[in-house]
Every structure is written in structure tokens, then in C-alpha cells.
């Protein structure tokens, strides 16, 4: 997922502050131009980490809705194992 969001700011000095704020939420930004206004591109700082967080949240919801007594265990990289509790 290499998509990005284009943002135009009327005040160039806001760009670095906005980029720093977004970084605390897992987003990465870069200044693409700085004239009378400023343009930045925003994307995920770590798309793989974002995917894992989204998957883990969705999996937890699925387990709860279907009342499955399973615990997700992270195995090797890109591997999850669903096991009974205490197993």
C-alpha cells in the first residue's frame, strides 16, 4: 500500500509541525514544495506494521463476534496461529 495523501497548507511554517504530529500516529510526511503556500505528501510510516495492526483488530473483533475461545499467537514473520487458551 504505497498510496499517499496530498495536502496543501496556506502557511508554510505549519508543515513541519503537522508532519511531526502525524508521525506520532504512524504517518510519515514530506514537504514537496514551499512557496507562498506549502505542499506535503502523507503516507504510512510503516505499511507492514499498519497492516498487522488492522488485521489484529479485525481478528479480535471476529473472535469476539463469533465467541471463539482462541488466542492469536504470532509465530514467524507474517504468521499467526490461532490456539485454544492455555495451549
C-alpha atoms as a PDB file:
ATOM      1  CA  UNK A   1       0.000   0.000   0.000  1.00  0.00           C
ATOM      2  CA  UNK A   2       2.067   2.937  -1.261  1.00  0.00           C
ATOM      3  CA  UNK A   3      -0.728   5.439  -1.589  1.00  0.00           C
ATOM      4  CA  UNK A   4      -0.264   8.927  -0.262  1.00  0.00           C
ATOM      5  CA  UNK A   5      -2.380  11.944   0.532  1.00  0.00           C
ATOM      6  CA  UNK A   6      -1.542  15.363  -0.877  1.00  0.00           C
ATOM      7  CA  UNK A   7      -2.048  18.288   1.500  1.00  0.00           C
ATOM      8  CA  UNK A   8      -1.769  21.990   0.699  1.00  0.00           C
ATOM      9  CA  UNK A   9      -1.208  24.419   3.550  1.00  0.00           C
ATOM     10  CA  UNK A  10      -1.625  28.178   3.297  1.00  0.00           C
ATOM     11  CA  UNK A  11       1.010  28.717   5.974  1.00  0.00           C
ATOM     12  CA  UNK A  12       4.355  27.003   5.182  1.00  0.00           C
ATOM     13  CA  UNK A  13       5.505  27.121   8.800  1.00  0.00           C
ATOM     14  CA  UNK A  14       2.695  24.684   9.734  1.00  0.00           C
ATOM     15  CA  UNK A  15       4.166  21.889   7.592  1.00  0.00           C
ATOM     16  CA  UNK A  16       6.891  20.632   9.927  1.00  0.00           C
ATOM     17  CA  UNK A  17       4.607  20.836  12.949  1.00  0.00           C
ATOM     18  CA  UNK A  18       1.882  18.875  11.134  1.00  0.00           C
ATOM     19  CA  UNK A  19       4.393  16.282   9.912  1.00  0.00           C
ATOM     20  CA  UNK A  20       5.736  15.805  13.453  1.00  0.00           C
ATOM     21  CA  UNK A  21       2.201  15.455  14.839  1.00  0.00           C
ATOM     22  CA  UNK A  22       1.231  12.878  12.193  1.00  0.00           C
ATOM     23  CA  UNK A  23       4.428  10.896  12.875  1.00  0.00           C
ATOM     24  CA  UNK A  24       3.180  10.208  16.404  1.00  0.00           C
ATOM     25  CA  UNK A  25       0.245   8.423  14.787  1.00  0.00           C
ATOM     26  CA  UNK A  26       2.216   6.190  12.428  1.00  0.00           C
ATOM     27  CA  UNK A  27       2.103   8.515   9.420  1.00  0.00           C
ATOM     28  CA  UNK A  28       5.064   9.882   7.504  1.00  0.00           C
ATOM     29  CA  UNK A  29       5.099  13.210   5.712  1.00  0.00           C
ATOM     30  CA  UNK A  30       7.465  15.027   3.410  1.00  0.00           C
ATOM     31  CA  UNK A  31       7.439  18.592   2.183  1.00  0.00           C
ATOM     32  CA  UNK A  32       7.099  18.611  -1.600  1.00  0.00           C
ATOM     33  CA  UNK A  33       7.177  22.374  -2.128  1.00  0.00           C
ATOM     34  CA  UNK A  34       7.270  25.550  -0.091  1.00  0.00           C
ATOM     35  CA  UNK A  35       6.333  28.758  -1.897  1.00  0.00           C
ATOM     36  CA  UNK A  36       3.662  31.156  -0.687  1.00  0.00           C
ATOM     37  CA  UNK A  37       1.885  28.010   0.456  1.00  0.00           C
ATOM     38  CA  UNK A  38       3.245  24.584   1.268  1.00  0.00           C
ATOM     39  CA  UNK A  39       2.533  21.118  -0.077  1.00  0.00           C
ATOM     40  CA  UNK A  40       3.207  17.865   1.744  1.00  0.00           C
ATOM     41  CA  UNK A  41       2.670  14.199   0.964  1.00  0.00           C
ATOM     42  CA  UNK A  42       1.437  11.898   3.719  1.00  0.00           C
ATOM     43  CA  UNK A  43       1.589   8.114   3.820  1.00  0.00           C
ATOM     44  CA  UNK A  44       2.028   5.304   6.322  1.00  0.00           C
ATOM     45  CA  UNK A  45       5.385   5.340   8.103  1.00  0.00           C
ATOM     46  CA  UNK A  46       5.422   1.535   8.106  1.00  0.00           C
ATOM     47  CA  UNK A  47       2.750  -0.024   5.867  1.00  0.00           C
ATOM     48  CA  UNK A  48       3.554  -3.518   7.118  1.00  0.00           C
ATOM     49  CA  UNK A  49       3.065  -2.506  10.748  1.00  0.00           C
ATOM     50  CA  UNK A  50      -0.182  -0.773   9.826  1.00  0.00           C
ATOM     51  CA  UNK A  51      -1.414  -3.946   8.090  1.00  0.00           C
ATOM     52  CA  UNK A  52      -0.645  -6.039  11.169  1.00  0.00           C
ATOM     53  CA  UNK A  53      -2.487  -3.612  13.470  1.00  0.00           C
ATOM     54  CA  UNK A  54      -5.523  -3.560  11.154  1.00  0.00           C
ATOM     55  CA  UNK A  55      -5.501  -7.363  10.887  1.00  0.00           C
ATOM     56  CA  UNK A  56      -5.123  -7.897  14.623  1.00  0.00           C
ATOM     57  CA  UNK A  57      -8.022  -5.534  15.362  1.00  0.00           C
ATOM     58  CA  UNK A  58     -10.223  -7.252  12.756  1.00  0.00           C
ATOM     59  CA  UNK A  59      -9.267 -10.705  14.024  1.00  0.00           C
ATOM     60  CA  UNK A  60     -10.056  -9.723  17.627  1.00  0.00           C
ATOM     61  CA  UNK A  61     -13.462  -8.438  16.500  1.00  0.00           C
ATOM     62  CA  UNK A  62     -14.165 -11.633  14.555  1.00  0.00           C
ATOM     63  CA  UNK A  63     -13.188 -13.814  17.524  1.00  0.00           C
ATOM     64  CA  UNK A  64     -15.435 -11.762  19.822  1.00  0.00           C
ATOM     65  CA  UNK A  65     -18.459 -11.739  17.495  1.00  0.00           C
ATOM     66  CA  UNK A  66     -18.260 -15.472  16.896  1.00  0.00           C
ATOM     67  CA  UNK A  67     -17.343 -16.185  20.520  1.00  0.00           C
ATOM     68  CA  UNK A  68     -14.356 -18.261  19.514  1.00  0.00           C
ATOM     69  CA  UNK A  69     -12.193 -19.213  22.500  1.00  0.00           C
ATOM     70  CA  UNK A  70      -8.989 -18.825  20.539  1.00  0.00           C
ATOM     71  CA  UNK A  71      -5.853 -16.825  21.198  1.00  0.00           C
ATOM     72  CA  UNK A  72      -3.832 -15.461  18.282  1.00  0.00           C
ATOM     73  CA  UNK A  73      -0.153 -16.226  18.686  1.00  0.00           C
ATOM     74  CA  UNK A  74       2.394 -14.541  16.477  1.00  0.00           C
ATOM     75  CA  UNK A  75       4.705 -17.136  15.017  1.00  0.00           C
ATOM     76  CA  UNK A  76       7.357 -16.356  12.487  1.00  0.00           C
ATOM     77  CA  UNK A  77       7.208 -13.183  10.445  1.00  0.00           C
ATOM     78  CA  UNK A  78       3.833 -12.869   8.665  1.00  0.00           C
ATOM     79  CA  UNK A  79       2.433 -15.865  10.552  1.00  0.00           C
ATOM     80  CA  UNK A  80      -0.351 -16.094  13.110  1.00  0.00           C
ATOM     81  CA  UNK A  81      -1.566 -19.252  14.805  1.00  0.00           C
ATOM     82  CA  UNK A  82      -4.985 -19.420  16.475  1.00  0.00           C
ATOM     83  CA  UNK A  83      -4.801 -21.660  19.545  1.00  0.00           C
ATOM     84  CA  UNK A  84      -7.072 -22.537  22.449  1.00  0.00           C
ATOM     85  CA  UNK A  85      -6.229 -20.631  25.662  1.00  0.00           C
ATOM     86  CA  UNK A  86      -3.502 -22.305  27.708  1.00  0.00           C
ATOM     87  CA  UNK A  87      -2.272 -24.331  24.748  1.00  0.00           C
END
